[in-house]
Amino acid sequence: MRNMKHEIKAENVEFQLDITDETCPLTFVRTKLLLERMAPGQVAVVRLKGAEPLDNVPKAVRDHGHTVLSLTLEDSATPDKADAIYRLVVRRN
């Protein structure tokens, strides 16, 4: 799932959220609050870091009925996976 890619154009992304400095459960709380502000069909990019958010946030997004469009490593040059930042692209359903 971590390498799932779909063609997402920058003009289709209407919201951005950076939760790289947050810890669970705030990572999903902030993501959920963003999704609640969005209209159905709108797309957001969520930047996240750390194993727990990487596992929990995409799962929780799907569990709440929304679509995970992609989850990709933002910078493949990061030597330590714990410090790697990922881009999660979601569509509100």
PDB file of N, CA and C in Angstrom:
ATOM      1  N   MET A   1       0.813  -1.187   0.000  1.00  0.00           N
ATOM      2  CA  MET A   1       0.000   0.000   0.000  1.00  0.00           C
ATOM      3  C   MET A   1       0.860   1.255   0.000  1.00  0.00           C
ATOM      4  N   ARG A   2       2.030   1.214   0.556  1.00  0.00           N
ATOM      5  CA  ARG A   2       2.839   2.422   0.678  1.00  0.00           C
ATOM      6  C   ARG A   2       3.351   2.940  -0.652  1.00  0.00           C
ATOM      7  N   ASN A   3       3.364   2.117  -1.679  1.00  0.00           N
ATOM      8  CA  ASN A   3       3.847   2.564  -2.972  1.00  0.00           C
ATOM      9  C   ASN A   3       2.722   2.784  -3.970  1.00  0.00           C
ATOM     10  N   MET A   4       1.489   2.788  -3.504  1.00  0.00           N
ATOM     11  CA  MET A   4       0.340   2.976  -4.379  1.00  0.00           C
ATOM     12  C   MET A   4       0.406   4.375  -4.992  1.00  0.00           C
ATOM     13  N   LYS A   5       0.270   4.451  -6.311  1.00  0.00           N
ATOM     14  CA  LYS A   5       0.340   5.737  -6.994  1.00  0.00           C
ATOM     15  C   LYS A   5      -0.806   5.862  -7.980  1.00  0.00           C
ATOM     16  N   HIS A   6      -1.389   7.035  -8.027  1.00  0.00           N
ATOM     17  CA  HIS A   6      -2.366   7.406  -9.039  1.00  0.00           C
ATOM     18  C   HIS A   6      -1.951   8.775  -9.541  1.00  0.00           C
ATOM     19  N   GLU A   7      -2.360   9.106 -10.745  1.00  0.00           N
ATOM     20  CA  GLU A   7      -2.038  10.403 -11.311  1.00  0.00           C
ATOM     21  C   GLU A   7      -2.860  11.479 -10.598  1.00  0.00           C
ATOM     22  N   ILE A   8      -2.207  12.312  -9.790  1.00  0.00           N
ATOM     23  CA  ILE A   8      -2.855  13.407  -9.092  1.00  0.00           C
ATOM     24  C   ILE A   8      -2.214  14.701  -9.574  1.00  0.00           C
ATOM     25  N   LYS A   9      -2.991  15.537 -10.179  1.00  0.00           N
ATOM     26  CA  LYS A   9      -2.483  16.815 -10.659  1.00  0.00           C
ATOM     27  C   LYS A   9      -2.625  17.854  -9.564  1.00  0.00           C
ATOM     28  N   ALA A  10      -1.671  18.761  -9.490  1.00  0.00           N
ATOM     29  CA  ALA A  10      -1.645  19.771  -8.433  1.00  0.00           C
ATOM     30  C   ALA A  10      -2.928  20.593  -8.411  1.00  0.00           C
ATOM     31  N   GLU A  11      -3.503  20.866  -9.554  1.00  0.00           N
ATOM     32  CA  GLU A  11      -4.721  21.683  -9.587  1.00  0.00           C
ATOM     33  C   GLU A  11      -5.935  20.945  -9.026  1.00  0.00           C
ATOM     34  N   ASN A  12      -5.849  19.631  -8.888  1.00  0.00           N
ATOM     35  CA  ASN A  12      -6.949  18.855  -8.313  1.00  0.00           C
ATOM     36  C   ASN A  12      -6.889  18.804  -6.784  1.00  0.00           C
ATOM     37  N   VAL A  13      -5.775  19.208  -6.201  1.00  0.00           N
ATOM     38  CA  VAL A  13      -5.611  19.180  -4.745  1.00  0.00           C
ATOM     39  C   VAL A  13      -6.125  20.500  -4.183  1.00  0.00           C
ATOM     40  N   GLU A  14      -7.166  20.403  -3.363  1.00  0.00           N
ATOM     41  CA  GLU A  14      -7.793  21.611  -2.838  1.00  0.00           C
ATOM     42  C   GLU A  14      -7.411  21.922  -1.401  1.00  0.00           C
ATOM     43  N   PHE A  15      -6.870  20.934  -0.693  1.00  0.00           N
ATOM     44  CA  PHE A  15      -6.498  21.119   0.706  1.00  0.00           C
ATOM     45  C   PHE A  15      -5.151  20.466   0.958  1.00  0.00           C
ATOM     46  N   GLN A  16      -4.398  21.036   1.906  1.00  0.00           N
ATOM     47  CA  GLN A  16      -3.135  20.439   2.318  1.00  0.00           C
ATOM     48  C   GLN A  16      -3.050  20.489   3.833  1.00  0.00           C
ATOM     49  N   LEU A  17      -2.491  19.435   4.409  1.00  0.00           N
ATOM     50  CA  LEU A  17      -2.339  19.350   5.850  1.00  0.00           C
ATOM     51  C   LEU A  17      -0.993  18.711   6.150  1.00  0.00           C
ATOM     52  N   ASP A  18      -0.228  19.342   7.027  1.00  0.00           N
ATOM     53  CA  ASP A  18       1.065  18.808   7.432  1.00  0.00           C
ATOM     54  C   ASP A  18       0.955  18.356   8.891  1.00  0.00           C
ATOM     55  N   ILE A  19       1.001  17.046   9.104  1.00  0.00           N
ATOM     56  CA  ILE A  19       0.923  16.498  10.462  1.00  0.00           C
ATOM     57  C   ILE A  19       2.235  15.817  10.846  1.00  0.00           C
ATOM     58  N   THR A  20       3.325  16.245  10.218  1.00  0.00           N
ATOM     59  CA  THR A  20       4.622  15.615  10.475  1.00  0.00           C
ATOM     60  C   THR A  20       5.130  15.865  11.890  1.00  0.00           C
ATOM     61  N   ASP A  21       4.641  16.902  12.549  1.00  0.00           N
ATOM     62  CA  ASP A  21       5.072  17.194  13.919  1.00  0.00           C
ATOM     63  C   ASP A  21       4.089  16.682  14.962  1.00  0.00           C
ATOM     64  N   GLU A  22       3.002  16.036  14.523  1.00  0.00           N
ATOM     65  CA  GLU A  22       1.968  15.545  15.427  1.00  0.00           C
ATOM     66  C   GLU A  22       2.219  14.084  15.793  1.00  0.00           C
ATOM     67  N   THR A  23       1.641  13.657  16.914  1.00  0.00           N
ATOM     68  CA  THR A  23       1.695  12.254  17.317  1.00  0.00           C
ATOM     69  C   THR A  23       0.273  11.707  17.392  1.00  0.00           C
ATOM     70  N   CYS A  24       0.155  10.394  17.310  1.00  0.00           N
ATOM     71  CA  CYS A  24      -1.155   9.758  17.418  1.00  0.00           C
ATOM     72  C   CYS A  24      -1.693   9.974  18.822  1.00  0.00           C
ATOM     73  N   PRO A  25      -2.954  10.198  19.014  1.00  0.00           N
ATOM     74  CA  PRO A  25      -4.041  10.154  18.036  1.00  0.00           C
ATOM     75  C   PRO A  25      -4.306  11.474  17.325  1.00  0.00           C
ATOM     76  N   LEU A  26      -3.523  12.523  17.614  1.00  0.00           N
ATOM     77  CA  LEU A  26      -3.769  13.816  16.980  1.00  0.00           C
ATOM     78  C   LEU A  26      -3.593  13.774  15.466  1.00  0.00           C
ATOM     79  N   THR A  27      -2.786  12.846  14.967  1.00  0.00           N
ATOM     80  CA  THR A  27      -2.585  12.774  13.525  1.00  0.00           C
ATOM     81  C   THR A  27      -3.908  12.522  12.810  1.00  0.00           C
ATOM     82  N   PHE A  28      -4.700  11.563  13.297  1.00  0.00           N
ATOM     83  CA  PHE A  28      -5.976  11.330  12.625  1.00  0.00           C
ATOM     84  C   PHE A  28      -7.023  12.349  13.023  1.00  0.00           C
ATOM     85  N   VAL A  29      -6.989  12.852  14.237  1.00  0.00           N
ATOM     86  CA  VAL A  29      -7.963  13.877  14.648  1.00  0.00           C
ATOM     87  C   VAL A  29      -7.865  15.080  13.717  1.00  0.00           C
ATOM     88  N   ARG A  30      -6.663  15.535  13.449  1.00  0.00           N
ATOM     89  CA  ARG A  30      -6.484  16.685  12.545  1.00  0.00           C
ATOM     90  C   ARG A  30      -6.915  16.331  11.124  1.00  0.00           C
ATOM     91  N   THR A  31      -6.614  15.103  10.687  1.00  0.00           N
ATOM     92  CA  THR A  31      -7.025  14.667   9.353  1.00  0.00           C
ATOM     93  C   THR A  31      -8.544  14.583   9.274  1.00  0.00           C
ATOM     94  N   LYS A  32      -9.184  14.049  10.294  1.00  0.00           N
ATOM     95  CA  LYS A  32     -10.641  13.929  10.318  1.00  0.00           C
ATOM     96  C   LYS A  32     -11.308  15.306  10.290  1.00  0.00           C
ATOM     97  N   LEU A  33     -10.774  16.252  11.056  1.00  0.00           N
ATOM     98  CA  LEU A  33     -11.325  17.612  11.051  1.00  0.00           C
ATOM     99  C   LEU A  33     -11.222  18.242   9.654  1.00  0.00           C
ATOM    100  N   LEU A  34     -10.109  17.985   8.974  1.00  0.00           N
ATOM    101  CA  LEU A  34      -9.958  18.481   7.605  1.00  0.00           C
ATOM    102  C   LEU A  34     -11.002  17.852   6.700  1.00  0.00           C
ATOM    103  N   LEU A  35     -11.162  16.545   6.767  1.00  0.00           N
ATOM    104  CA  LEU A  35     -12.138  15.849   5.922  1.00  0.00           C
ATOM    105  C   LEU A  35     -13.559  16.362   6.170  1.00  0.00           C
ATOM    106  N   GLU A  36     -13.870  16.693   7.409  1.00  0.00           N
ATOM    107  CA  GLU A  36     -15.201  17.201   7.724  1.00  0.00           C
ATOM    108  C   GLU A  36     -15.455  18.573   7.106  1.00  0.00           C
ATOM    109  N   ARG A  37     -14.409  19.359   6.873  1.00  0.00           N
ATOM    110  CA  ARG A  37     -14.545  20.686   6.246  1.00  0.00           C
ATOM    111  C   ARG A  37     -14.666  20.593   4.722  1.00  0.00           C
ATOM    112  N   MET A  38     -14.281  19.463   4.176  1.00  0.00           N
ATOM    113  CA  MET A  38     -14.255  19.295   2.728  1.00  0.00           C
ATOM    114  C   MET A  38     -15.625  18.868   2.206  1.00  0.00           C
ATOM    115  N   ALA A  39     -15.899  19.230   0.961  1.00  0.00           N
ATOM    116  CA  ALA A  39     -17.104  18.767   0.278  1.00  0.00           C
ATOM    117  C   ALA A  39     -16.814  17.415  -0.368  1.00  0.00           C
ATOM    118  N   PRO A  40     -17.838  16.585  -0.566  1.00  0.00           N
ATOM    119  CA  PRO A  40     -17.626  15.308  -1.251  1.00  0.00           C
ATOM    120  C   PRO A  40     -16.933  15.521  -2.604  1.00  0.00           C
ATOM    121  N   GLY A  41     -15.941  14.680  -2.866  1.00  0.00           N
ATOM    122  CA  GLY A  41     -15.208  14.746  -4.124  1.00  0.00           C
ATOM    123  C   GLY A  41     -13.948  15.589  -4.054  1.00  0.00           C
ATOM    124  N   GLN A  42     -13.805  16.416  -3.027  1.00  0.00           N
ATOM    125  CA  GLN A  42     -12.607  17.236  -2.923  1.00  0.00           C
ATOM    126  C   GLN A  42     -11.423  16.381  -2.482  1.00  0.00           C
ATOM    127  N   VAL A  43     -10.220  16.845  -2.851  1.00  0.00           N
ATOM    128  CA  VAL A  43      -8.987  16.089  -2.638  1.00  0.00           C
ATOM    129  C   VAL A  43      -8.053  16.872  -1.717  1.00  0.00           C
ATOM    130  N   ALA A  44      -7.383  16.137  -0.833  1.00  0.00           N
ATOM    131  CA  ALA A  44      -6.412  16.741   0.079  1.00  0.00           C
ATOM    132  C   ALA A  44      -5.120  15.933   0.089  1.00  0.00           C
ATOM    133  N   VAL A  45      -4.020  16.644   0.331  1.00  0.00           N
ATOM    134  CA  VAL A  45      -2.722  16.006   0.548  1.00  0.00           C
ATOM    135  C   VAL A  45      -2.395  16.163   2.016  1.00  0.00           C
ATOM    136  N   VAL A  46      -2.061  15.048   2.651  1.00  0.00           N
ATOM    137  CA  VAL A  46      -1.673  15.044   4.062  1.00  0.00           C
ATOM    138  C   VAL A  46      -0.233  14.550   4.137  1.00  0.00           C
ATOM    139  N   ARG A  47       0.640  15.376   4.698  1.00  0.00           N
ATOM    140  CA  ARG A  47       2.033  14.973   4.904  1.00  0.00           C
ATOM    141  C   ARG A  47       2.147  14.361   6.283  1.00  0.00           C
ATOM    142  N   LEU A  48       2.724  13.154   6.358  1.00  0.00           N
ATOM    143  CA  LEU A  48       2.857  12.490   7.648  1.00  0.00           C
ATOM    144  C   LEU A  48       4.213  11.839   7.791  1.00  0.00           C
ATOM    145  N   LYS A  49       4.576  11.593   9.061  1.00  0.00           N
ATOM    146  CA  LYS A  49       5.894  11.035   9.359  1.00  0.00           C
ATOM    147  C   LYS A  49       5.771  10.085  10.543  1.00  0.00           C
ATOM    148  N   GLY A  50       6.486   8.988  10.478  1.00  0.00           N
ATOM    149  CA  GLY A  50       6.517   8.034  11.581  1.00  0.00           C
ATOM    150  C   GLY A  50       5.687   6.804  11.281  1.00  0.00           C
ATOM    151  N   ALA A  51       6.075   5.703  11.883  1.00  0.00           N
ATOM    152  CA  ALA A  51       5.423   4.422  11.606  1.00  0.00           C
ATOM    153  C   ALA A  51       3.958   4.400  12.021  1.00  0.00           C
ATOM    154  N   GLU A  52       3.651   4.934  13.192  1.00  0.00           N
ATOM    155  CA  GLU A  52       2.277   4.873  13.680  1.00  0.00           C
ATOM    156  C   GLU A  52       1.310   5.665  12.790  1.00  0.00           C
ATOM    157  N   PRO A  53       1.588   6.927  12.473  1.00  0.00           N
ATOM    158  CA  PRO A  53       0.688   7.645  11.567  1.00  0.00           C
ATOM    159  C   PRO A  53       0.634   7.005  10.179  1.00  0.00           C
ATOM    160  N   LEU A  54       1.760   6.490   9.716  1.00  0.00           N
ATOM    161  CA  LEU A  54       1.806   5.862   8.400  1.00  0.00           C
ATOM    162  C   LEU A  54       0.881   4.653   8.324  1.00  0.00           C
ATOM    163  N   ASP A  55       0.764   3.912   9.408  1.00  0.00           N
ATOM    164  CA  ASP A  55      -0.139   2.764   9.445  1.00  0.00           C
ATOM    165  C   ASP A  55      -1.572   3.167   9.765  1.00  0.00           C
ATOM    166  N   ASN A  56      -1.740   4.078  10.723  1.00  0.00           N
ATOM    167  CA  ASN A  56      -3.073   4.375  11.234  1.00  0.00           C
ATOM    168  C   ASN A  56      -3.896   5.356  10.410  1.00  0.00           C
ATOM    169  N   VAL A  57      -3.291   6.419   9.909  1.00  0.00           N
ATOM    170  CA  VAL A  57      -4.075   7.461   9.234  1.00  0.00           C
ATOM    171  C   VAL A  57      -4.725   6.944   7.952  1.00  0.00           C
ATOM    172  N   PRO A  58      -4.000   6.285   7.043  1.00  0.00           N
ATOM    173  CA  PRO A  58      -4.686   5.777   5.833  1.00  0.00           C
ATOM    174  C   PRO A  58      -5.805   4.783   6.167  1.00  0.00           C
ATOM    175  N   LYS A  59      -5.560   3.918   7.144  1.00  0.00           N
ATOM    176  CA  LYS A  59      -6.583   2.945   7.541  1.00  0.00           C
ATOM    177  C   LYS A  59      -7.815   3.660   8.086  1.00  0.00           C
ATOM    178  N   ALA A  60      -7.618   4.636   8.946  1.00  0.00           N
ATOM    179  CA  ALA A  60      -8.745   5.368   9.531  1.00  0.00           C
ATOM    180  C   ALA A  60      -9.507   6.159   8.469  1.00  0.00           C
ATOM    181  N   VAL A  61      -8.788   6.714   7.493  1.00  0.00           N
ATOM    182  CA  VAL A  61      -9.452   7.434   6.394  1.00  0.00           C
ATOM    183  C   VAL A  61     -10.392   6.478   5.662  1.00  0.00           C
ATOM    184  N   ARG A  62      -9.907   5.287   5.326  1.00  0.00           N
ATOM    185  CA  ARG A  62     -10.744   4.282   4.647  1.00  0.00           C
ATOM    186  C   ARG A  62     -11.888   3.824   5.543  1.00  0.00           C
ATOM    187  N   ASP A  63     -11.608   3.601   6.829  1.00  0.00           N
ATOM    188  CA  ASP A  63     -12.642   3.154   7.763  1.00  0.00           C
ATOM    189  C   ASP A  63     -13.777   4.168   7.894  1.00  0.00           C
ATOM    190  N   HIS A  64     -13.475   5.447   7.669  1.00  0.00           N
ATOM    191  CA  HIS A  64     -14.494   6.493   7.730  1.00  0.00           C
ATOM    192  C   HIS A  64     -15.178   6.706   6.374  1.00  0.00           C
ATOM    193  N   GLY A  65     -14.891   5.843   5.410  1.00  0.00           N
ATOM    194  CA  GLY A  65     -15.599   5.861   4.137  1.00  0.00           C
ATOM    195  C   GLY A  65     -15.016   6.736   3.056  1.00  0.00           C
ATOM    196  N   HIS A  66     -13.786   7.207   3.248  1.00  0.00           N
ATOM    197  CA  HIS A  66     -13.154   8.052   2.244  1.00  0.00           C
ATOM    198  C   HIS A  66     -12.164   7.224   1.427  1.00  0.00           C
ATOM    199  N   THR A  67     -11.647   7.804   0.356  1.00  0.00           N
ATOM    200  CA  THR A  67     -10.775   7.083  -0.560  1.00  0.00           C
ATOM    201  C   THR A  67      -9.329   7.534  -0.430  1.00  0.00           C
ATOM    202  N   VAL A  68      -8.427   6.585  -0.262  1.00  0.00           N
ATOM    203  CA  VAL A  68      -6.991   6.855  -0.305  1.00  0.00           C
ATOM    204  C   VAL A  68      -6.579   6.735  -1.763  1.00  0.00           C
ATOM    205  N   LEU A  69      -6.177   7.855  -2.363  1.00  0.00           N
ATOM    206  CA  LEU A  69      -5.779   7.859  -3.773  1.00  0.00           C
ATOM    207  C   LEU A  69      -4.324   7.454  -3.956  1.00  0.00           C
ATOM    208  N   SER A  70      -3.480   7.859  -3.007  1.00  0.00           N
ATOM    209  CA  SER A  70      -2.072   7.450  -3.087  1.00  0.00           C
ATOM    210  C   SER A  70      -1.397   7.648  -1.741  1.00  0.00           C
ATOM    211  N   LEU A  71      -0.324   6.922  -1.563  1.00  0.00           N
ATOM    212  CA  LEU A  71       0.540   7.057  -0.399  1.00  0.00           C
ATOM    213  C   LEU A  71       1.955   6.840  -0.909  1.00  0.00           C
ATOM    214  N   THR A  72       2.735   7.911  -0.948  1.00  0.00           N
ATOM    215  CA  THR A  72       4.063   7.837  -1.542  1.00  0.00           C
ATOM    216  C   THR A  72       5.105   8.478  -0.632  1.00  0.00           C
ATOM    217  N   LEU A  73       6.309   7.968  -0.730  1.00  0.00           N
ATOM    218  CA  LEU A  73       7.442   8.531  -0.014  1.00  0.00           C
ATOM    219  C   LEU A  73       7.790   9.860  -0.664  1.00  0.00           C
ATOM    220  N   GLU A  74       7.869  10.905   0.150  1.00  0.00           N
ATOM    221  CA  GLU A  74       8.139  12.237  -0.394  1.00  0.00           C
ATOM    222  C   GLU A  74       9.596  12.408  -0.795  1.00  0.00           C
ATOM    223  N   ASP A  75      10.516  11.895   0.002  1.00  0.00           N
ATOM    224  CA  ASP A  75      11.941  12.058  -0.270  1.00  0.00           C
ATOM    225  C   ASP A  75      12.642  10.725  -0.079  1.00  0.00           C
ATOM    226  N   SER A  76      12.960  10.069  -1.163  1.00  0.00           N
ATOM    227  CA  SER A  76      13.576   8.749  -1.074  1.00  0.00           C
ATOM    228  C   SER A  76      15.018   8.814  -0.586  1.00  0.00           C
ATOM    229  N   ALA A  77      15.581  10.015  -0.444  1.00  0.00           N
ATOM    230  CA  ALA A  77      16.961  10.145   0.024  1.00  0.00           C
ATOM    231  C   ALA A  77      17.060  10.098   1.545  1.00  0.00           C
ATOM    232  N   THR A  78      15.918  10.090   2.249  1.00  0.00           N
ATOM    233  CA  THR A  78      15.939  10.045   3.705  1.00  0.00           C
ATOM    234  C   THR A  78      16.498   8.701   4.157  1.00  0.00           C
ATOM    235  N   PRO A  79      17.619   8.689   4.877  1.00  0.00           N
ATOM    236  CA  PRO A  79      18.245   7.416   5.259  1.00  0.00           C
ATOM    237  C   PRO A  79      17.487   6.655   6.340  1.00  0.00           C
ATOM    238  N   ASP A  80      16.815   7.340   7.230  1.00  0.00           N
ATOM    239  CA  ASP A  80      16.131   6.699   8.343  1.00  0.00           C
ATOM    240  C   ASP A  80      14.632   6.692   8.089  1.00  0.00           C
ATOM    241  N   LYS A  81      14.047   5.509   7.989  1.00  0.00           N
ATOM    242  CA  LYS A  81      12.605   5.390   7.710  1.00  0.00           C
ATOM    243  C   LYS A  81      11.755   6.105   8.764  1.00  0.00           C
ATOM    244  N   ALA A  82      12.227   6.163  10.012  1.00  0.00           N
ATOM    245  CA  ALA A  82      11.466   6.830  11.066  1.00  0.00           C
ATOM    246  C   ALA A  82      11.329   8.320  10.792  1.00  0.00           C
ATOM    247  N   ASP A  83      12.262   8.884  10.049  1.00  0.00           N
ATOM    248  CA  ASP A  83      12.226  10.310   9.716  1.00  0.00           C
ATOM    249  C   ASP A  83      11.665  10.574   8.328  1.00  0.00           C
ATOM    250  N   ALA A  84      11.296   9.527   7.611  1.00  0.00           N
ATOM    251  CA  ALA A  84      10.786   9.691   6.250  1.00  0.00           C
ATOM    252  C   ALA A  84       9.409  10.351   6.281  1.00  0.00           C
ATOM    253  N   ILE A  85       9.184  11.237   5.329  1.00  0.00           N
ATOM    254  CA  ILE A  85       7.900  11.922   5.207  1.00  0.00           C
ATOM    255  C   ILE A  85       7.162  11.340   4.009  1.00  0.00           C
ATOM    256  N   TYR A  86       5.894  11.030   4.226  1.00  0.00           N
ATOM    257  CA  TYR A  86       5.032  10.466   3.192  1.00  0.00           C
ATOM    258  C   TYR A  86       3.934  11.453   2.840  1.00  0.00           C
ATOM    259  N   ARG A  87       3.456  11.358   1.605  1.00  0.00           N
ATOM    260  CA  ARG A  87       2.330  12.159   1.116  1.00  0.00           C
ATOM    261  C   ARG A  87       1.144  11.232   0.924  1.00  0.00           C
ATOM    262  N   LEU A  88       0.103  11.487   1.666  1.00  0.00           N
ATOM    263  CA  LEU A  88      -1.139  10.731   1.582  1.00  0.00           C
ATOM    264  C   LEU A  88      -2.143  11.608   0.855  1.00  0.00           C
ATOM    265  N   VAL A  89      -2.666  11.131  -0.259  1.00  0.00           N
ATOM    266  CA  VAL A  89      -3.668  11.872  -1.024  1.00  0.00           C
ATOM    267  C   VAL A  89      -4.998  11.183  -0.821  1.00  0.00           C
ATOM    268  N   VAL A  90      -5.988  11.945  -0.339  1.00  0.00           N
ATOM    269  CA  VAL A  90      -7.295  11.380  -0.018  1.00  0.00           C
ATOM    270  C   VAL A  90      -8.415  12.159  -0.715  1.00  0.00           C
ATOM    271  N   ARG A  91      -9.488  11.443  -1.021  1.00  0.00           N
ATOM    272  CA  ARG A  91     -10.699  12.073  -1.571  1.00  0.00           C
ATOM    273  C   ARG A  91     -11.830  11.860  -0.586  1.00  0.00           C
ATOM    274  N   ARG A  92     -12.522  12.962  -0.261  1.00  0.00           N
ATOM    275  CA  ARG A  92     -13.676  12.844   0.633  1.00  0.00           C
ATOM    276  C   ARG A  92     -14.840  12.262  -0.149  1.00  0.00           C
ATOM    277  N   ASN A  93     -15.471  11.257   0.413  1.00  0.00           N
ATOM    278  CA  ASN A  93     -16.633  10.635  -0.220  1.00  0.00           C
ATOM    279  C   ASN A  93     -17.919  11.120   0.409  1.00  0.00           C
TER     280      ASN A  93
END
